[in-house]
Amino acid sequence: MTMVSKAAIGIAAGICGTLFIGYCIYFDRKRRTDPNFKRKLRERRKAALKSTKSSGTKLPDLKDHEAVQRFFLQEVQLGEELLARGDIEEGVEHLGNAVAVCGQPNQLLQVLQQTLPPQVFHLLLQRLPALGQTDCQCVALTDLCVGGMDPGVDVWIPEMP
């Protein structure tokens, strides 16, 4: 057997790396000089933006307790992650969905009031009436979104215009 020296392996690795980098540069230049590249890129971005905006969150069947519980936990977790990343609008939307399917929205709102910054909590409260109108399955939200104080609960829900 012949022994391959460390220098030969190093040279081979260097040549392979150089060829790979060269191919990447070549492919990138070819892609960027394509006359349709920018148009295709814009179309892809618009399609992706439309799909995320129009997808909306579909509420589960409220009769299926397991599905509601999974959806609730998923929405709370996703809302917290998005808020942590700084995407406040999407985070509030997902937390609002969690409030929509919650069996006891007043208690959830109390917890959210204590944990969320005031401006984020206010944004969530502004979103609740829209949830009550669009997601007709949620009866508790229509009572909750009337405005004023709910007796026995320390969550202040401002009246929306």
N, C-alpha and C. Protein backbone atom coordinates (compact mmCIF):
# COMPACT_ATOMS: atom_id res chain seq x y z
N MET A 1 0.83 -1.17 0.00
CA MET A 1 0.00 0.00 0.00
C MET A 1 0.88 1.24 0.00
N THR A 2 0.38 2.22 -0.68
CA THR A 2 1.14 3.45 -0.70
C THR A 2 0.54 4.41 0.31
N MET A 3 1.37 5.08 1.00
CA MET A 3 0.93 6.05 2.00
C MET A 3 0.85 7.43 1.33
N VAL A 4 -0.26 8.06 1.53
CA VAL A 4 -0.44 9.40 1.00
C VAL A 4 -0.04 10.37 2.10
N SER A 5 0.81 11.27 1.74
CA SER A 5 1.32 12.20 2.75
C SER A 5 0.27 13.24 3.11
N LYS A 6 0.47 13.83 4.25
CA LYS A 6 -0.45 14.86 4.73
C LYS A 6 -0.43 16.07 3.80
N ALA A 7 0.70 16.36 3.22
CA ALA A 7 0.82 17.49 2.31
C ALA A 7 -0.04 17.26 1.06
N ALA A 8 -0.02 16.02 0.55
CA ALA A 8 -0.81 15.71 -0.64
C ALA A 8 -2.31 15.83 -0.33
N ILE A 9 -2.71 15.38 0.84
CA ILE A 9 -4.12 15.49 1.23
C ILE A 9 -4.50 16.97 1.37
N GLY A 10 -3.63 17.76 1.96
CA GLY A 10 -3.89 19.19 2.12
C GLY A 10 -4.00 19.89 0.78
N ILE A 11 -3.12 19.53 -0.15
CA ILE A 11 -3.16 20.14 -1.49
C ILE A 11 -4.45 19.74 -2.20
N ALA A 12 -4.82 18.48 -2.10
CA ALA A 12 -6.06 18.01 -2.75
C ALA A 12 -7.27 18.73 -2.15
N ALA A 13 -7.30 18.88 -0.84
CA ALA A 13 -8.41 19.58 -0.20
C ALA A 13 -8.45 21.04 -0.63
N GLY A 14 -7.32 21.67 -0.75
CA GLY A 14 -7.25 23.06 -1.19
C GLY A 14 -7.75 23.22 -2.61
N ILE A 15 -7.35 22.29 -3.49
CA ILE A 15 -7.80 22.35 -4.88
C ILE A 15 -9.32 22.15 -4.96
N CYS A 16 -9.84 21.17 -4.20
CA CYS A 16 -11.29 20.93 -4.18
C CYS A 16 -12.04 22.16 -3.66
N GLY A 17 -11.55 22.76 -2.62
CA GLY A 17 -12.18 23.96 -2.07
C GLY A 17 -12.16 25.10 -3.07
N THR A 18 -11.04 25.28 -3.75
CA THR A 18 -10.92 26.34 -4.75
C THR A 18 -11.89 26.10 -5.90
N LEU A 19 -12.00 24.85 -6.36
CA LEU A 19 -12.93 24.53 -7.43
C LEU A 19 -14.38 24.79 -7.00
N PHE A 20 -14.70 24.43 -5.78
CA PHE A 20 -16.06 24.66 -5.28
C PHE A 20 -16.38 26.15 -5.22
N ILE A 21 -15.48 26.94 -4.67
CA ILE A 21 -15.68 28.40 -4.59
C ILE A 21 -15.80 28.98 -6.00
N GLY A 22 -14.97 28.51 -6.92
CA GLY A 22 -15.03 28.98 -8.30
C GLY A 22 -16.38 28.68 -8.93
N TYR A 23 -16.87 27.46 -8.71
CA TYR A 23 -18.17 27.10 -9.24
C TYR A 23 -19.27 27.97 -8.65
N CYS A 24 -19.20 28.24 -7.36
CA CYS A 24 -20.21 29.09 -6.72
C CYS A 24 -20.19 30.49 -7.32
N ILE A 25 -19.01 31.05 -7.54
CA ILE A 25 -18.90 32.39 -8.13
C ILE A 25 -19.44 32.37 -9.55
N TYR A 26 -19.10 31.35 -10.32
CA TYR A 26 -19.59 31.23 -11.69
C TYR A 26 -21.11 31.14 -11.72
N PHE A 27 -21.66 30.28 -10.90
CA PHE A 27 -23.11 30.10 -10.89
C PHE A 27 -23.82 31.38 -10.45
N ASP A 28 -23.29 32.07 -9.44
CA ASP A 28 -23.90 33.30 -8.96
C ASP A 28 -23.87 34.37 -10.05
N ARG A 29 -22.76 34.50 -10.75
CA ARG A 29 -22.65 35.50 -11.82
C ARG A 29 -23.63 35.17 -12.94
N LYS A 30 -23.73 33.89 -13.29
CA LYS A 30 -24.63 33.48 -14.36
C LYS A 30 -26.09 33.76 -13.95
N ARG A 31 -26.41 33.48 -12.71
CA ARG A 31 -27.77 33.71 -12.21
C ARG A 31 -28.11 35.20 -12.20
N ARG A 32 -27.17 36.02 -11.76
CA ARG A 32 -27.43 37.46 -11.67
C ARG A 32 -27.50 38.15 -13.03
N THR A 33 -26.80 37.62 -14.01
CA THR A 33 -26.84 38.25 -15.34
C THR A 33 -28.03 37.77 -16.16
N ASP A 34 -28.79 36.83 -15.66
CA ASP A 34 -29.99 36.38 -16.35
C ASP A 34 -30.99 37.53 -16.38
N PRO A 35 -31.50 37.88 -17.57
CA PRO A 35 -32.40 39.04 -17.67
C PRO A 35 -33.72 38.86 -16.90
N ASN A 36 -34.13 37.65 -16.68
CA ASN A 36 -35.40 37.42 -16.00
C ASN A 36 -35.24 37.18 -14.50
N PHE A 37 -34.01 37.22 -14.00
CA PHE A 37 -33.75 36.90 -12.60
C PHE A 37 -34.52 37.80 -11.65
N LYS A 38 -34.39 39.12 -11.84
CA LYS A 38 -35.05 40.05 -10.92
C LYS A 38 -36.56 39.95 -11.00
N ARG A 39 -37.09 39.78 -12.20
CA ARG A 39 -38.54 39.64 -12.36
C ARG A 39 -39.03 38.38 -11.65
N LYS A 40 -38.34 37.27 -11.86
CA LYS A 40 -38.73 36.02 -11.21
C LYS A 40 -38.63 36.13 -9.69
N LEU A 41 -37.57 36.79 -9.22
CA LEU A 41 -37.38 36.96 -7.79
C LEU A 41 -38.52 37.78 -7.18
N ARG A 42 -38.91 38.88 -7.85
CA ARG A 42 -40.03 39.69 -7.36
C ARG A 42 -41.32 38.89 -7.34
N GLU A 43 -41.55 38.11 -8.40
CA GLU A 43 -42.77 37.30 -8.46
C GLU A 43 -42.80 36.27 -7.33
N ARG A 44 -41.66 35.64 -7.07
CA ARG A 44 -41.60 34.66 -5.98
C ARG A 44 -41.86 35.31 -4.63
N ARG A 45 -41.29 36.49 -4.42
CA ARG A 45 -41.50 37.19 -3.15
C ARG A 45 -42.95 37.61 -2.98
N LYS A 46 -43.58 38.10 -4.06
CA LYS A 46 -44.99 38.49 -3.99
C LYS A 46 -45.86 37.27 -3.71
N ALA A 47 -45.57 36.16 -4.37
CA ALA A 47 -46.36 34.94 -4.15
C ALA A 47 -46.21 34.46 -2.71
N ALA A 48 -45.00 34.52 -2.18
CA ALA A 48 -44.77 34.08 -0.80
C ALA A 48 -45.49 35.01 0.17
N LEU A 49 -45.47 36.30 -0.09
CA LEU A 49 -46.15 37.27 0.77
C LEU A 49 -47.66 37.05 0.74
N LYS A 50 -48.21 36.81 -0.45
CA LYS A 50 -49.65 36.57 -0.56
C LYS A 50 -50.05 35.29 0.15
N SER A 51 -49.23 34.26 0.03
CA SER A 51 -49.58 32.99 0.65
C SER A 51 -49.57 33.09 2.17
N THR A 52 -48.64 33.87 2.73
CA THR A 52 -48.60 34.01 4.19
C THR A 52 -49.73 34.89 4.69
N LYS A 53 -50.09 35.92 3.93
CA LYS A 53 -51.15 36.82 4.37
C LYS A 53 -52.52 36.18 4.20
N SER A 54 -52.73 35.46 3.09
CA SER A 54 -54.05 34.92 2.82
C SER A 54 -54.30 33.59 3.52
N SER A 55 -53.23 32.96 4.01
CA SER A 55 -53.41 31.64 4.61
C SER A 55 -54.30 31.72 5.84
N GLY A 56 -54.12 32.74 6.68
CA GLY A 56 -54.95 32.89 7.87
C GLY A 56 -54.88 31.65 8.74
N THR A 57 -55.29 31.79 9.96
CA THR A 57 -55.29 30.66 10.87
C THR A 57 -56.69 30.11 10.94
N LYS A 58 -56.83 28.84 10.71
CA LYS A 58 -58.14 28.20 10.75
C LYS A 58 -58.36 27.62 12.13
N LEU A 59 -59.46 27.99 12.74
CA LEU A 59 -59.78 27.48 14.08
C LEU A 59 -60.20 26.01 13.99
N PRO A 60 -59.84 25.23 14.98
CA PRO A 60 -60.25 23.83 14.97
C PRO A 60 -61.72 23.69 15.33
N ASP A 61 -62.24 22.48 15.15
CA ASP A 61 -63.61 22.19 15.55
C ASP A 61 -63.68 22.27 17.07
N LEU A 62 -64.52 23.15 17.58
CA LEU A 62 -64.58 23.38 19.03
C LEU A 62 -65.18 22.19 19.78
N LYS A 63 -65.77 21.25 19.07
CA LYS A 63 -66.31 20.06 19.73
C LYS A 63 -65.22 19.05 20.03
N ASP A 64 -64.12 19.11 19.29
CA ASP A 64 -62.99 18.20 19.50
C ASP A 64 -62.05 18.83 20.51
N HIS A 65 -62.14 18.38 21.76
CA HIS A 65 -61.38 18.99 22.85
C HIS A 65 -59.87 18.86 22.64
N GLU A 66 -59.42 17.71 22.15
CA GLU A 66 -57.97 17.52 21.94
C GLU A 66 -57.44 18.47 20.88
N ALA A 67 -58.20 18.63 19.79
CA ALA A 67 -57.77 19.53 18.72
C ALA A 67 -57.71 20.97 19.21
N VAL A 68 -58.69 21.36 20.02
CA VAL A 68 -58.71 22.72 20.57
C VAL A 68 -57.52 22.94 21.49
N GLN A 69 -57.21 21.93 22.31
CA GLN A 69 -56.10 22.05 23.24
C GLN A 69 -54.77 22.14 22.49
N ARG A 70 -54.60 21.28 21.46
CA ARG A 70 -53.38 21.34 20.65
C ARG A 70 -53.25 22.70 19.97
N PHE A 71 -54.37 23.19 19.38
CA PHE A 71 -54.36 24.47 18.70
C PHE A 71 -54.02 25.60 19.67
N PHE A 72 -54.60 25.56 20.86
CA PHE A 72 -54.35 26.59 21.87
C PHE A 72 -52.87 26.64 22.24
N LEU A 73 -52.29 25.48 22.55
CA LEU A 73 -50.88 25.43 22.94
C LEU A 73 -49.98 25.86 21.79
N GLN A 74 -50.32 25.44 20.57
CA GLN A 74 -49.53 25.81 19.41
C GLN A 74 -49.57 27.32 19.18
N GLU A 75 -50.75 27.92 19.30
CA GLU A 75 -50.88 29.36 19.06
C GLU A 75 -50.17 30.18 20.14
N VAL A 76 -50.26 29.74 21.39
CA VAL A 76 -49.57 30.46 22.46
C VAL A 76 -48.06 30.38 22.24
N GLN A 77 -47.56 29.19 21.93
CA GLN A 77 -46.13 29.02 21.71
C GLN A 77 -45.65 29.83 20.51
N LEU A 78 -46.41 29.78 19.42
CA LEU A 78 -46.02 30.53 18.23
C LEU A 78 -46.08 32.03 18.49
N GLY A 79 -47.11 32.47 19.21
CA GLY A 79 -47.21 33.89 19.54
C GLY A 79 -46.04 34.36 20.39
N GLU A 80 -45.64 33.56 21.37
CA GLU A 80 -44.49 33.92 22.21
C GLU A 80 -43.21 33.97 21.40
N GLU A 81 -43.02 33.00 20.51
CA GLU A 81 -41.81 32.98 19.67
C GLU A 81 -41.75 34.21 18.77
N LEU A 82 -42.87 34.55 18.15
CA LEU A 82 -42.89 35.70 17.25
C LEU A 82 -42.66 37.00 18.02
N LEU A 83 -43.23 37.11 19.21
CA LEU A 83 -42.98 38.31 20.02
C LEU A 83 -41.52 38.39 20.42
N ALA A 84 -40.91 37.26 20.73
CA ALA A 84 -39.50 37.25 21.10
C ALA A 84 -38.61 37.67 19.93
N ARG A 85 -39.04 37.31 18.70
CA ARG A 85 -38.28 37.69 17.51
C ARG A 85 -38.50 39.14 17.12
N GLY A 86 -39.55 39.76 17.70
CA GLY A 86 -39.83 41.16 17.38
C GLY A 86 -40.96 41.35 16.39
N ASP A 87 -41.58 40.27 15.93
CA ASP A 87 -42.71 40.36 15.01
C ASP A 87 -43.99 40.48 15.83
N ILE A 88 -44.28 41.70 16.26
CA ILE A 88 -45.36 41.93 17.22
C ILE A 88 -46.72 41.68 16.60
N GLU A 89 -46.95 42.14 15.37
CA GLU A 89 -48.26 41.97 14.73
C GLU A 89 -48.65 40.50 14.63
N GLU A 90 -47.75 39.68 14.12
CA GLU A 90 -48.04 38.24 13.97
C GLU A 90 -48.17 37.58 15.34
N GLY A 91 -47.32 37.97 16.28
CA GLY A 91 -47.40 37.39 17.62
C GLY A 91 -48.73 37.69 18.28
N VAL A 92 -49.20 38.92 18.15
CA VAL A 92 -50.48 39.30 18.73
C VAL A 92 -51.61 38.56 18.04
N GLU A 93 -51.49 38.35 16.73
CA GLU A 93 -52.53 37.61 16.00
C GLU A 93 -52.65 36.18 16.54
N HIS A 94 -51.52 35.53 16.77
CA HIS A 94 -51.55 34.16 17.27
C HIS A 94 -52.03 34.10 18.73
N LEU A 95 -51.63 35.06 19.53
CA LEU A 95 -52.14 35.09 20.91
C LEU A 95 -53.64 35.36 20.91
N GLY A 96 -54.11 36.19 19.99
CA GLY A 96 -55.55 36.44 19.87
C GLY A 96 -56.30 35.17 19.49
N ASN A 97 -55.70 34.36 18.61
CA ASN A 97 -56.32 33.08 18.26
C ASN A 97 -56.39 32.17 19.47
N ALA A 98 -55.36 32.22 20.31
CA ALA A 98 -55.37 31.40 21.52
C ALA A 98 -56.47 31.86 22.47
N VAL A 99 -56.66 33.17 22.58
CA VAL A 99 -57.73 33.69 23.43
C VAL A 99 -59.08 33.29 22.86
N ALA A 100 -59.19 33.23 21.53
CA ALA A 100 -60.46 32.91 20.88
C ALA A 100 -60.93 31.50 21.21
N VAL A 101 -60.00 30.56 21.36
CA VAL A 101 -60.41 29.17 21.64
C VAL A 101 -60.30 28.82 23.11
N CYS A 102 -59.82 29.74 23.92
CA CYS A 102 -59.62 29.46 25.34
C CYS A 102 -60.96 29.32 26.04
N GLY A 103 -61.04 28.35 26.91
CA GLY A 103 -62.27 28.13 27.67
C GLY A 103 -62.52 29.23 28.69
N GLN A 104 -61.46 29.82 29.21
CA GLN A 104 -61.57 30.89 30.21
C GLN A 104 -60.72 32.08 29.77
N PRO A 105 -61.23 32.88 28.81
CA PRO A 105 -60.43 33.96 28.26
C PRO A 105 -60.07 35.04 29.29
N ASN A 106 -60.91 35.24 30.30
CA ASN A 106 -60.61 36.27 31.30
C ASN A 106 -59.34 35.92 32.07
N GLN A 107 -59.19 34.66 32.47
CA GLN A 107 -57.99 34.26 33.20
C GLN A 107 -56.76 34.33 32.31
N LEU A 108 -56.90 33.94 31.04
CA LEU A 108 -55.78 34.03 30.12
C LEU A 108 -55.37 35.49 29.91
N LEU A 109 -56.34 36.37 29.80
CA LEU A 109 -56.03 37.79 29.64
C LEU A 109 -55.35 38.36 30.87
N GLN A 110 -55.72 37.89 32.05
CA GLN A 110 -55.03 38.33 33.27
C GLN A 110 -53.56 37.94 33.21
N VAL A 111 -53.29 36.70 32.83
CA VAL A 111 -51.90 36.24 32.74
C VAL A 111 -51.15 37.03 31.68
N LEU A 112 -51.78 37.24 30.53
CA LEU A 112 -51.12 37.99 29.46
C LEU A 112 -50.88 39.44 29.86
N GLN A 113 -51.80 40.01 30.63
CA GLN A 113 -51.63 41.40 31.08
C GLN A 113 -50.41 41.53 31.99
N GLN A 114 -50.16 40.50 32.79
CA GLN A 114 -49.02 40.54 33.70
C GLN A 114 -47.71 40.25 32.99
N THR A 115 -47.76 39.47 31.90
CA THR A 115 -46.50 39.05 31.27
C THR A 115 -46.11 39.88 30.05
N LEU A 116 -47.08 40.45 29.36
CA LEU A 116 -46.78 41.20 28.14
C LEU A 116 -46.52 42.67 28.46
N PRO A 117 -45.72 43.33 27.64
CA PRO A 117 -45.58 44.79 27.79
C PRO A 117 -46.93 45.47 27.53
N PRO A 118 -47.18 46.61 28.17
CA PRO A 118 -48.50 47.26 28.05
C PRO A 118 -48.93 47.55 26.61
N GLN A 119 -48.00 48.00 25.76
CA GLN A 119 -48.39 48.33 24.39
C GLN A 119 -48.77 47.08 23.60
N VAL A 120 -48.12 45.96 23.86
CA VAL A 120 -48.45 44.71 23.18
C VAL A 120 -49.79 44.19 23.68
N PHE A 121 -50.02 44.30 24.98
CA PHE A 121 -51.29 43.85 25.55
C PHE A 121 -52.44 44.70 25.00
N HIS A 122 -52.22 46.01 24.87
CA HIS A 122 -53.25 46.89 24.32
C HIS A 122 -53.55 46.52 22.87
N LEU A 123 -52.51 46.18 22.11
CA LEU A 123 -52.70 45.74 20.72
C LEU A 123 -53.53 44.46 20.67
N LEU A 124 -53.28 43.56 21.61
CA LEU A 124 -54.06 42.33 21.69
C LEU A 124 -55.52 42.64 21.99
N LEU A 125 -55.76 43.57 22.90
CA LEU A 125 -57.14 43.94 23.23
C LEU A 125 -57.84 44.58 22.04
N GLN A 126 -57.10 45.32 21.24
CA GLN A 126 -57.70 45.91 20.06
C GLN A 126 -58.06 44.85 19.03
N ARG A 127 -57.35 43.76 19.04
CA ARG A 127 -57.59 42.68 18.07
C ARG A 127 -58.78 41.80 18.48
N LEU A 128 -59.12 41.77 19.73
CA LEU A 128 -60.19 40.88 20.20
C LEU A 128 -61.55 41.12 19.55
N PRO A 129 -62.04 42.36 19.38
CA PRO A 129 -63.34 42.53 18.73
C PRO A 129 -63.35 41.97 17.30
N ALA A 130 -62.26 42.11 16.58
CA ALA A 130 -62.19 41.57 15.22
C ALA A 130 -62.28 40.05 15.26
N LEU A 131 -61.68 39.44 16.25
CA LEU A 131 -61.78 37.98 16.40
C LEU A 131 -63.20 37.57 16.69
N GLY A 132 -63.89 38.33 17.50
CA GLY A 132 -65.27 38.01 17.84
C GLY A 132 -66.19 38.11 16.63
N GLN A 133 -65.86 38.99 15.68
CA GLN A 133 -66.69 39.14 14.49
C GLN A 133 -66.34 38.11 13.43
N THR A 134 -65.07 37.85 13.21
CA THR A 134 -64.68 36.94 12.14
C THR A 134 -64.81 35.48 12.55
N ASP A 135 -64.53 35.16 13.78
CA ASP A 135 -64.59 33.78 14.23
C ASP A 135 -65.84 33.61 15.07
N CYS A 136 -66.96 33.40 14.41
CA CYS A 136 -68.26 33.38 15.08
C CYS A 136 -68.40 32.21 16.04
N GLN A 137 -67.48 31.25 15.99
CA GLN A 137 -67.57 30.10 16.88
C GLN A 137 -67.31 30.49 18.33
N CYS A 138 -66.72 31.64 18.52
CA CYS A 138 -66.29 32.00 19.87
C CYS A 138 -67.32 32.92 20.52
N VAL A 139 -68.15 32.37 21.37
CA VAL A 139 -69.21 33.14 22.03
C VAL A 139 -68.65 33.96 23.17
N ALA A 140 -67.65 33.43 23.87
CA ALA A 140 -67.11 34.12 25.04
C ALA A 140 -66.47 35.45 24.66
N LEU A 141 -65.89 35.54 23.47
CA LEU A 141 -65.24 36.78 23.08
C LEU A 141 -66.24 37.89 22.84
N THR A 142 -67.42 37.56 22.33
CA THR A 142 -68.38 38.62 22.08
C THR A 142 -68.81 39.27 23.39
N ASP A 143 -68.92 38.46 24.45
CA ASP A 143 -69.24 39.02 25.75
C ASP A 143 -68.06 39.81 26.31
N LEU A 144 -66.86 39.33 26.04
CA LEU A 144 -65.66 39.93 26.58
C LEU A 144 -65.33 41.26 25.92
N CYS A 145 -65.65 41.40 24.65
CA CYS A 145 -65.21 42.57 23.88
C CYS A 145 -66.19 43.73 23.93
N VAL A 146 -67.19 43.68 24.78
CA VAL A 146 -68.15 44.76 24.86
C VAL A 146 -67.50 46.02 25.41
N GLY A 147 -66.56 45.88 26.32
CA GLY A 147 -65.86 47.02 26.90
C GLY A 147 -66.19 47.13 28.37
N GLY A 148 -65.37 47.92 29.06
CA GLY A 148 -65.60 48.12 30.49
C GLY A 148 -64.94 47.05 31.32
N MET A 149 -65.36 46.95 32.56
CA MET A 149 -64.78 45.98 33.48
C MET A 149 -65.69 44.79 33.61
N ASP A 150 -65.11 43.63 33.64
CA ASP A 150 -65.86 42.41 33.90
C ASP A 150 -65.89 42.24 35.42
N PRO A 151 -67.06 42.04 36.02
CA PRO A 151 -67.12 41.94 37.48
C PRO A 151 -66.28 40.78 38.00
N GLY A 152 -65.50 41.05 38.99
CA GLY A 152 -64.68 40.01 39.62
C GLY A 152 -63.35 39.76 38.94
N VAL A 153 -63.07 40.46 37.86
CA VAL A 153 -61.82 40.26 37.14
C VAL A 153 -61.10 41.59 37.04
N ASP A 154 -59.79 41.58 37.23
CA ASP A 154 -59.02 42.80 37.25
C ASP A 154 -58.43 43.18 35.90
N VAL A 155 -58.98 42.64 34.82
CA VAL A 155 -58.50 43.01 33.48
C VAL A 155 -59.38 44.12 32.98
N TRP A 156 -58.78 45.24 32.66
CA TRP A 156 -59.53 46.36 32.13
C TRP A 156 -59.54 46.24 30.62
N ILE A 157 -60.73 46.19 30.04
CA ILE A 157 -60.86 46.08 28.60
C ILE A 157 -61.43 47.41 28.10
N PRO A 158 -60.62 48.20 27.39
CA PRO A 158 -61.09 49.51 26.97
C PRO A 158 -62.16 49.39 25.90
N GLU A 159 -63.04 50.36 25.87
CA GLU A 159 -64.10 50.37 24.88
C GLU A 159 -63.49 50.72 23.55
N MET A 160 -63.80 49.95 22.53
CA MET A 160 -63.25 50.17 21.20
C MET A 160 -64.23 51.01 20.37
N PRO A 161 -63.72 51.96 19.56
CA PRO A 161 -64.61 52.80 18.75
C PRO A 161 -65.26 52.00 17.64
